[in-house]
Amino acid sequence: MLNISSSDHSAANQAKQANPANQSHETKKSSGTGSEVPVTIVHLVRHGEVFNPGKILYGRIPGYHLSSRGHSMAARIAKSFAGHDVAYLAASPLLRAQQTAQPISKVTGLDVEECPQVIESGNDFEGLRTKGLRSQLWNPKRWLQMYNPLEPSWGEPFVDIADRMMAAVHDIRDKAEGHEGIVVSHQLPIVMVQRTVRGQALAHAPWNRECALASVTSLVFSGKDIIDIRYSTPAREI
């Protein structure tokens, strides 16, 4: 049965708890056959805070880097993975994700692989302000794009995001089999993984998302099956 949990414990500690063996080559006996089934953990890390004085929806626009606070968040995430059996590290090609991955690279000794599959979701409102009284979403000329929030009509379809993210997750599982893999991505793509794994509808209210800046969503695999999903916020105090 899939176990779903949320906690303020570090991602590293959650990973240890999730794996009963807690060894470099983590395996467990499969029922009935006596064969060894590898336990693998894939951690999906959301990037740290971005320097965005204009408060725009930056989406896939290149050049948006971490703020000073964001760099501190990245350092804290990296610390939470110290001493862990991480065999693979990847990140979205966007600068903020690459910068979040760098401290993890130093802690794990792994190079950061670029993973286009986990890039931010496409959005027609990129470059516009979408929050507050100055939000462009109050502009009637934008309303023609907002006719279907279930797809959504103003950006990359939820199902497409979920498909590419789940493909990336399983690819990372294969590359880190029997160990742990880490990938740095973005809020909506990670939420699509969460909702897919939990069997929830992909369309949702944005304010109900559980994917804070610098948070970690950990998927525990037994063989190729996801048996557990955990959520942690190691940088919550920053």
C-alpha atoms as a PDB file:
ATOM      1  CA  MET A   1       0.000   0.000   0.000  1.00  0.00           C
ATOM      2  CA  LEU A   2       1.253   3.494  -0.851  1.00  0.00           C
ATOM      3  CA  ASN A   3       2.181   5.430   2.270  1.00  0.00           C
ATOM      4  CA  ILE A   4       1.755   9.207   2.089  1.00  0.00           C
ATOM      5  CA  SER A   5       3.352  11.356   4.745  1.00  0.00           C
ATOM      6  CA  SER A   6       4.296  14.956   5.384  1.00  0.00           C
ATOM      7  CA  SER A   7       6.826  16.063   7.946  1.00  0.00           C
ATOM      8  CA  ASP A   8       9.281  18.758   8.878  1.00  0.00           C
ATOM      9  CA  HIS A   9      12.108  16.238   9.261  1.00  0.00           C
ATOM     10  CA  SER A  10      15.022  16.568   6.836  1.00  0.00           C
ATOM     11  CA  ALA A  11      14.794  14.841   3.486  1.00  0.00           C
ATOM     12  CA  ALA A  12      17.865  12.847   4.394  1.00  0.00           C
ATOM     13  CA  ASN A  13      16.341  11.486   7.591  1.00  0.00           C
ATOM     14  CA  GLN A  14      13.102  10.701   5.794  1.00  0.00           C
ATOM     15  CA  ALA A  15      15.042   8.748   3.196  1.00  0.00           C
ATOM     16  CA  LYS A  16      16.765   6.718   5.903  1.00  0.00           C
ATOM     17  CA  GLN A  17      13.447   6.001   7.599  1.00  0.00           C
ATOM     18  CA  ALA A  18      11.872   5.024   4.305  1.00  0.00           C
ATOM     19  CA  ASN A  19      14.517   2.384   3.648  1.00  0.00           C
ATOM     20  CA  PRO A  20      14.684  -0.390   6.241  1.00  0.00           C
ATOM     21  CA  ALA A  21      18.060  -1.628   5.018  1.00  0.00           C
ATOM     22  CA  ASN A  22      19.730   1.808   5.124  1.00  0.00           C
ATOM     23  CA  GLN A  23      22.834   0.505   3.360  1.00  0.00           C
ATOM     24  CA  SER A  24      24.741   1.451   0.222  1.00  0.00           C
ATOM     25  CA  HIS A  25      23.047  -1.261  -1.820  1.00  0.00           C
ATOM     26  CA  GLU A  26      19.560  -1.219  -0.391  1.00  0.00           C
ATOM     27  CA  THR A  27      17.440  -4.294  -1.116  1.00  0.00           C
ATOM     28  CA  LYS A  28      14.578  -6.157   0.430  1.00  0.00           C
ATOM     29  CA  LYS A  29      13.157  -9.623  -0.022  1.00  0.00           C
ATOM     30  CA  SER A  30      10.220  -9.818  -2.367  1.00  0.00           C
ATOM     31  CA  SER A  31       7.300 -11.858  -1.090  1.00  0.00           C
ATOM     32  CA  GLY A  32       6.902 -15.350  -2.473  1.00  0.00           C
ATOM     33  CA  THR A  33      10.080 -15.678  -4.542  1.00  0.00           C
ATOM     34  CA  GLY A  34      12.848 -14.833  -2.092  1.00  0.00           C
ATOM     35  CA  SER A  35      14.572 -12.717  -4.755  1.00  0.00           C
ATOM     36  CA  GLU A  36      16.127  -9.380  -3.915  1.00  0.00           C
ATOM     37  CA  VAL A  37      14.191  -6.265  -4.953  1.00  0.00           C
ATOM     38  CA  PRO A  38      16.116  -2.972  -4.950  1.00  0.00           C
ATOM     39  CA  VAL A  39      14.773  -0.061  -2.950  1.00  0.00           C
ATOM     40  CA  THR A  40      15.447   3.261  -4.678  1.00  0.00           C
ATOM     41  CA  ILE A  41      14.570   6.779  -3.560  1.00  0.00           C
ATOM     42  CA  VAL A  42      14.056   9.655  -6.002  1.00  0.00           C
ATOM     43  CA  HIS A  43      14.065  13.102  -4.396  1.00  0.00           C
ATOM     44  CA  LEU A  44      12.373  15.966  -6.260  1.00  0.00           C
ATOM     45  CA  VAL A  45      13.763  19.254  -4.971  1.00  0.00           C
ATOM     46  CA  ARG A  46      12.108  22.576  -5.707  1.00  0.00           C
ATOM     47  CA  HIS A  47      14.605  25.382  -6.318  1.00  0.00           C
ATOM     48  CA  GLY A  48      15.237  28.135  -3.765  1.00  0.00           C
ATOM     49  CA  GLU A  49      13.893  31.692  -3.770  1.00  0.00           C
ATOM     50  CA  VAL A  50      14.477  33.667  -6.972  1.00  0.00           C
ATOM     51  CA  PHE A  51      15.569  37.307  -7.256  1.00  0.00           C
ATOM     52  CA  ASN A  52      12.467  38.823  -8.863  1.00  0.00           C
ATOM     53  CA  PRO A  53      12.042  42.508  -7.935  1.00  0.00           C
ATOM     54  CA  GLY A  54       9.510  43.016 -10.741  1.00  0.00           C
ATOM     55  CA  LYS A  55       7.315  40.256  -9.291  1.00  0.00           C
ATOM     56  CA  ILE A  56       6.592  38.826 -12.729  1.00  0.00           C
ATOM     57  CA  LEU A  57       5.798  35.279 -13.751  1.00  0.00           C
ATOM     58  CA  TYR A  58       9.282  34.364 -14.983  1.00  0.00           C
ATOM     59  CA  GLY A  59       8.478  30.810 -16.082  1.00  0.00           C
ATOM     60  CA  ARG A  60      11.068  29.660 -18.616  1.00  0.00           C
ATOM     61  CA  ILE A  61      12.571  33.107 -19.191  1.00  0.00           C
ATOM     62  CA  PRO A  62      16.360  32.614 -18.969  1.00  0.00           C
ATOM     63  CA  GLY A  63      18.592  34.420 -16.496  1.00  0.00           C
ATOM     64  CA  TYR A  64      16.445  34.418 -13.358  1.00  0.00           C
ATOM     65  CA  HIS A  65      18.868  33.554 -10.570  1.00  0.00           C
ATOM     66  CA  LEU A  66      18.563  32.752  -6.887  1.00  0.00           C
ATOM     67  CA  SER A  67      18.303  35.540  -4.337  1.00  0.00           C
ATOM     68  CA  SER A  68      20.672  35.648  -1.368  1.00  0.00           C
ATOM     69  CA  ARG A  69      18.001  33.826   0.630  1.00  0.00           C
ATOM     70  CA  GLY A  70      17.654  31.312  -2.190  1.00  0.00           C
ATOM     71  CA  HIS A  71      21.363  30.486  -2.033  1.00  0.00           C
ATOM     72  CA  SER A  72      21.042  29.937   1.721  1.00  0.00           C
ATOM     73  CA  MET A  73      18.107  27.612   1.073  1.00  0.00           C
ATOM     74  CA  ALA A  74      20.156  25.646  -1.448  1.00  0.00           C
ATOM     75  CA  ALA A  75      22.987  25.246   1.050  1.00  0.00           C
ATOM     76  CA  ARG A  76      20.567  23.958   3.674  1.00  0.00           C
ATOM     77  CA  ILE A  77      19.064  21.421   1.273  1.00  0.00           C
ATOM     78  CA  ALA A  78      22.532  20.172   0.376  1.00  0.00           C
ATOM     79  CA  LYS A  79      23.394  19.736   4.045  1.00  0.00           C
ATOM     80  CA  SER A  80      20.313  17.545   4.511  1.00  0.00           C
ATOM     81  CA  PHE A  81      21.723  15.072   1.976  1.00  0.00           C
ATOM     82  CA  ALA A  82      25.178  14.799   3.565  1.00  0.00           C
ATOM     83  CA  GLY A  83      26.207  11.195   4.148  1.00  0.00           C
ATOM     84  CA  HIS A  84      23.524   9.788   1.890  1.00  0.00           C
ATOM     85  CA  ASP A  85      23.956   7.176  -0.770  1.00  0.00           C
ATOM     86  CA  VAL A  86      23.173   9.495  -3.687  1.00  0.00           C
ATOM     87  CA  ALA A  87      24.166   7.952  -7.009  1.00  0.00           C
ATOM     88  CA  TYR A  88      22.633  10.417  -9.474  1.00  0.00           C
ATOM     89  CA  LEU A  89      22.029  14.174  -9.535  1.00  0.00           C
ATOM     90  CA  ALA A  90      20.148  16.156 -12.175  1.00  0.00           C
ATOM     91  CA  ALA A  91      18.467  19.534 -12.561  1.00  0.00           C
ATOM     92  CA  SER A  92      16.265  21.521 -14.882  1.00  0.00           C
ATOM     93  CA  PRO A  93      18.316  23.576 -17.363  1.00  0.00           C
ATOM     94  CA  LEU A  94      16.991  26.854 -15.925  1.00  0.00           C
ATOM     95  CA  LEU A  95      19.523  28.898 -13.944  1.00  0.00           C
ATOM     96  CA  ARG A  96      17.668  28.842 -10.627  1.00  0.00           C
ATOM     97  CA  ALA A  97      17.534  25.046 -10.659  1.00  0.00           C
ATOM     98  CA  GLN A  98      21.176  24.706 -11.671  1.00  0.00           C
ATOM     99  CA  GLN A  99      22.213  27.057  -8.852  1.00  0.00           C
ATOM    100  CA  THR A 100      20.157  25.071  -6.339  1.00  0.00           C
ATOM    101  CA  ALA A 101      21.848  21.868  -7.484  1.00  0.00           C
ATOM    102  CA  GLN A 102      25.422  23.159  -7.148  1.00  0.00           C
ATOM    103  CA  PRO A 103      25.704  22.860  -3.338  1.00  0.00           C
ATOM    104  CA  ILE A 104      24.208  19.365  -3.574  1.00  0.00           C
ATOM    105  CA  SER A 105      26.893  18.544  -6.138  1.00  0.00           C
ATOM    106  CA  LYS A 106      29.599  19.612  -3.695  1.00  0.00           C
ATOM    107  CA  VAL A 107      28.129  17.542  -0.862  1.00  0.00           C
ATOM    108  CA  THR A 108      27.593  14.398  -2.939  1.00  0.00           C
ATOM    109  CA  GLY A 109      30.627  14.682  -5.214  1.00  0.00           C
ATOM    110  CA  LEU A 110      28.391  14.192  -8.256  1.00  0.00           C
ATOM    111  CA  ASP A 111      28.228  16.238 -11.426  1.00  0.00           C
ATOM    112  CA  VAL A 112      24.868  17.848 -12.215  1.00  0.00           C
ATOM    113  CA  GLU A 113      23.224  16.302 -15.257  1.00  0.00           C
ATOM    114  CA  GLU A 114      20.961  18.647 -17.214  1.00  0.00           C
ATOM    115  CA  CYS A 115      17.433  17.247 -17.495  1.00  0.00           C
ATOM    116  CA  PRO A 116      15.144  19.153 -19.911  1.00  0.00           C
ATOM    117  CA  GLN A 117      12.216  16.878 -19.002  1.00  0.00           C
ATOM    118  CA  VAL A 118      11.857  18.549 -15.591  1.00  0.00           C
ATOM    119  CA  ILE A 119      11.865  22.158 -16.833  1.00  0.00           C
ATOM    120  CA  GLU A 120       9.265  24.668 -15.620  1.00  0.00           C
ATOM    121  CA  SER A 121       5.800  24.393 -17.165  1.00  0.00           C
ATOM    122  CA  GLY A 122       5.036  26.501 -20.213  1.00  0.00           C
ATOM    123  CA  ASN A 123       2.776  29.497 -19.549  1.00  0.00           C
ATOM    124  CA  ASP A 124       1.336  32.118 -21.914  1.00  0.00           C
ATOM    125  CA  PHE A 125       1.538  34.732 -19.142  1.00  0.00           C
ATOM    126  CA  GLU A 126       5.335  34.579 -18.861  1.00  0.00           C
ATOM    127  CA  GLY A 127       6.816  38.041 -18.363  1.00  0.00           C
ATOM    128  CA  LEU A 128       3.605  39.446 -16.898  1.00  0.00           C
ATOM    129  CA  ARG A 129       2.661  40.324 -13.354  1.00  0.00           C
ATOM    130  CA  THR A 130       0.033  37.811 -12.220  1.00  0.00           C
ATOM    131  CA  LYS A 131      -0.442  38.620  -8.526  1.00  0.00           C
ATOM    132  CA  GLY A 132      -1.759  41.608  -6.583  1.00  0.00           C
ATOM    133  CA  LEU A 133      -3.756  44.636  -7.701  1.00  0.00           C
ATOM    134  CA  ARG A 134      -1.458  45.183 -10.693  1.00  0.00           C
ATOM    135  CA  SER A 135      -1.976  41.647 -11.945  1.00  0.00           C
ATOM    136  CA  GLN A 136      -2.541  41.335 -15.682  1.00  0.00           C
ATOM    137  CA  LEU A 137      -5.139  38.695 -14.908  1.00  0.00           C
ATOM    138  CA  TRP A 138      -7.541  41.554 -14.113  1.00  0.00           C
ATOM    139  CA  ASN A 139      -7.143  42.786 -17.698  1.00  0.00           C
ATOM    140  CA  PRO A 140     -10.204  41.731 -19.770  1.00  0.00           C
ATOM    141  CA  LYS A 141      -8.050  41.094 -22.843  1.00  0.00           C
ATOM    142  CA  ARG A 142      -6.393  38.205 -20.957  1.00  0.00           C
ATOM    143  CA  TRP A 143      -9.694  36.533 -20.128  1.00  0.00           C
ATOM    144  CA  LEU A 144     -10.000  34.908 -23.558  1.00  0.00           C
ATOM    145  CA  GLN A 145      -7.017  32.752 -22.612  1.00  0.00           C
ATOM    146  CA  MET A 146      -8.548  31.688 -19.299  1.00  0.00           C
ATOM    147  CA  TYR A 147     -11.617  29.805 -20.500  1.00  0.00           C
ATOM    148  CA  ASN A 148     -10.532  26.368 -19.262  1.00  0.00           C
ATOM    149  CA  PRO A 149      -8.711  26.093 -15.917  1.00  0.00           C
ATOM    150  CA  LEU A 150      -8.925  22.295 -16.047  1.00  0.00           C
ATOM    151  CA  GLU A 151      -6.435  21.923 -18.913  1.00  0.00           C
ATOM    152  CA  PRO A 152      -5.279  24.783 -18.482  1.00  0.00           C
ATOM    153  CA  SER A 153      -6.010  26.854 -21.576  1.00  0.00           C
ATOM    154  CA  TRP A 154      -3.230  29.402 -20.873  1.00  0.00           C
ATOM    155  CA  GLY A 155      -0.286  27.033 -20.764  1.00  0.00           C
ATOM    156  CA  GLU A 156       1.204  23.577 -21.038  1.00  0.00           C
ATOM    157  CA  PRO A 157      -1.498  20.954 -20.371  1.00  0.00           C
ATOM    158  CA  PHE A 158      -1.349  19.350 -16.933  1.00  0.00           C
ATOM    159  CA  VAL A 159      -1.348  15.885 -18.502  1.00  0.00           C
ATOM    160  CA  ASP A 160       1.699  16.730 -20.623  1.00  0.00           C
ATOM    161  CA  ILE A 161       3.589  18.031 -17.590  1.00  0.00           C
ATOM    162  CA  ALA A 162       2.691  14.897 -15.631  1.00  0.00           C
ATOM    163  CA  ASP A 163       3.738  12.597 -18.478  1.00  0.00           C
ATOM    164  CA  ARG A 164       7.178  14.150 -18.956  1.00  0.00           C
ATOM    165  CA  MET A 165       7.826  14.382 -15.223  1.00  0.00           C
ATOM    166  CA  MET A 166       6.859  10.767 -14.527  1.00  0.00           C
ATOM    167  CA  ALA A 167       9.045   9.650 -17.425  1.00  0.00           C
ATOM    168  CA  ALA A 168      11.939  11.588 -15.881  1.00  0.00           C
ATOM    169  CA  VAL A 169      11.270  10.118 -12.428  1.00  0.00           C
ATOM    170  CA  HIS A 170      11.387   6.556 -13.743  1.00  0.00           C
ATOM    171  CA  ASP A 171      14.526   7.306 -15.751  1.00  0.00           C
ATOM    172  CA  ILE A 172      16.220   8.648 -12.614  1.00  0.00           C
ATOM    173  CA  ARG A 173      15.060   5.579 -10.696  1.00  0.00           C
ATOM    174  CA  ASP A 174      16.753   3.390 -13.295  1.00  0.00           C
ATOM    175  CA  LYS A 175      19.999   5.378 -13.102  1.00  0.00           C
ATOM    176  CA  ALA A 176      20.068   5.364  -9.291  1.00  0.00           C
ATOM    177  CA  GLU A 177      18.703   1.845  -8.786  1.00  0.00           C
ATOM    178  CA  GLY A 178      19.347   0.587  -5.281  1.00  0.00           C
ATOM    179  CA  HIS A 179      20.522   4.034  -4.165  1.00  0.00           C
ATOM    180  CA  GLU A 180      19.121   7.577  -4.117  1.00  0.00           C
ATOM    181  CA  GLY A 181      18.681  10.022  -6.984  1.00  0.00           C
ATOM    182  CA  ILE A 182      18.049  13.761  -6.771  1.00  0.00           C
ATOM    183  CA  VAL A 183      16.527  16.092  -9.360  1.00  0.00           C
ATOM    184  CA  VAL A 184      15.955  19.844  -8.957  1.00  0.00           C
ATOM    185  CA  SER A 185      12.786  21.036 -10.645  1.00  0.00           C
ATOM    186  CA  HIS A 186       9.941  23.532 -10.238  1.00  0.00           C
ATOM    187  CA  GLN A 187       6.695  23.820  -8.298  1.00  0.00           C
ATOM    188  CA  LEU A 188       3.991  22.853 -10.795  1.00  0.00           C
ATOM    189  CA  PRO A 189       5.970  19.990 -12.363  1.00  0.00           C
ATOM    190  CA  ILE A 190       6.623  18.526  -8.896  1.00  0.00           C
ATOM    191  CA  VAL A 191       2.971  18.979  -7.910  1.00  0.00           C
ATOM    192  CA  MET A 192       1.974  17.040 -11.036  1.00  0.00           C
ATOM    193  CA  VAL A 193       4.117  14.142  -9.813  1.00  0.00           C
ATOM    194  CA  GLN A 194       2.602  14.341  -6.327  1.00  0.00           C
ATOM    195  CA  ARG A 195      -0.946  14.287  -7.664  1.00  0.00           C
ATOM    196  CA  THR A 196      -0.225  11.497 -10.136  1.00  0.00           C
ATOM    197  CA  VAL A 197       1.316   9.282  -7.457  1.00  0.00           C
ATOM    198  CA  ARG A 198      -1.539   9.991  -5.041  1.00  0.00           C
ATOM    199  CA  GLY A 199      -4.184   9.281  -7.670  1.00  0.00           C
ATOM    200  CA  GLN A 200      -5.568  12.826  -7.502  1.00  0.00           C
ATOM    201  CA  ALA A 201      -7.014  14.892 -10.341  1.00  0.00           C
ATOM    202  CA  LEU A 202      -4.308  16.974 -12.000  1.00  0.00           C
ATOM    203  CA  ALA A 203      -6.444  20.142 -12.057  1.00  0.00           C
ATOM    204  CA  HIS A 204      -6.343  21.818  -8.652  1.00  0.00           C
ATOM    205  CA  ALA A 205      -6.438  25.107  -6.756  1.00  0.00           C
ATOM    206  CA  PRO A 206      -2.899  26.588  -6.689  1.00  0.00           C
ATOM    207  CA  TRP A 207      -3.270  27.656  -3.053  1.00  0.00           C
ATOM    208  CA  ASN A 208      -3.647  23.997  -2.045  1.00  0.00           C
ATOM    209  CA  ARG A 209      -0.206  22.984  -3.300  1.00  0.00           C
ATOM    210  CA  GLU A 210       2.249  21.379  -0.904  1.00  0.00           C
ATOM    211  CA  CYS A 211       5.491  22.355  -2.606  1.00  0.00           C
ATOM    212  CA  ALA A 212       7.257  25.219  -0.838  1.00  0.00           C
ATOM    213  CA  LEU A 213      10.472  26.799  -2.038  1.00  0.00           C
ATOM    214  CA  ALA A 214      13.422  24.470  -1.367  1.00  0.00           C
ATOM    215  CA  SER A 215      11.118  21.622  -0.353  1.00  0.00           C
ATOM    216  CA  VAL A 216      11.810  17.952  -1.038  1.00  0.00           C
ATOM    217  CA  THR A 217       9.289  15.412  -2.314  1.00  0.00           C
ATOM    218  CA  SER A 218      10.730  11.904  -1.942  1.00  0.00           C
ATOM    219  CA  LEU A 219       9.432   8.890  -3.861  1.00  0.00           C
ATOM    220  CA  VAL A 220      10.374   5.462  -2.514  1.00  0.00           C
ATOM    221  CA  PHE A 221      10.469   2.607  -5.031  1.00  0.00           C
ATOM    222  CA  SER A 222      10.440  -1.124  -4.420  1.00  0.00           C
ATOM    223  CA  GLY A 223      11.740  -2.345  -7.730  1.00  0.00           C
ATOM    224  CA  LYS A 224       9.852  -0.231 -10.244  1.00  0.00           C
ATOM    225  CA  ASP A 225       6.817   0.380  -8.013  1.00  0.00           C
ATOM    226  CA  ILE A 226       6.322   3.514  -5.918  1.00  0.00           C
ATOM    227  CA  ILE A 227       5.479   2.415  -2.375  1.00  0.00           C
ATOM    228  CA  ASP A 228       5.857   5.677  -0.453  1.00  0.00           C
ATOM    229  CA  ILE A 229       5.782   9.441  -0.975  1.00  0.00           C
ATOM    230  CA  ARG A 230       7.207  11.850   1.596  1.00  0.00           C
ATOM    231  CA  TYR A 231       7.439  15.621   1.845  1.00  0.00           C
ATOM    232  CA  SER A 232       9.911  17.681   3.862  1.00  0.00           C
ATOM    233  CA  THR A 233      11.068  21.292   4.187  1.00  0.00           C
ATOM    234  CA  PRO A 234      14.706  21.291   5.339  1.00  0.00           C
ATOM    235  CA  ALA A 235      15.089  25.024   4.626  1.00  0.00           C
ATOM    236  CA  ARG A 236      11.843  26.100   6.298  1.00  0.00           C
ATOM    237  CA  GLU A 237      13.599  28.291   8.904  1.00  0.00           C
ATOM    238  CA  ILE A 238      15.461  30.399   6.330  1.00  0.00           C
END
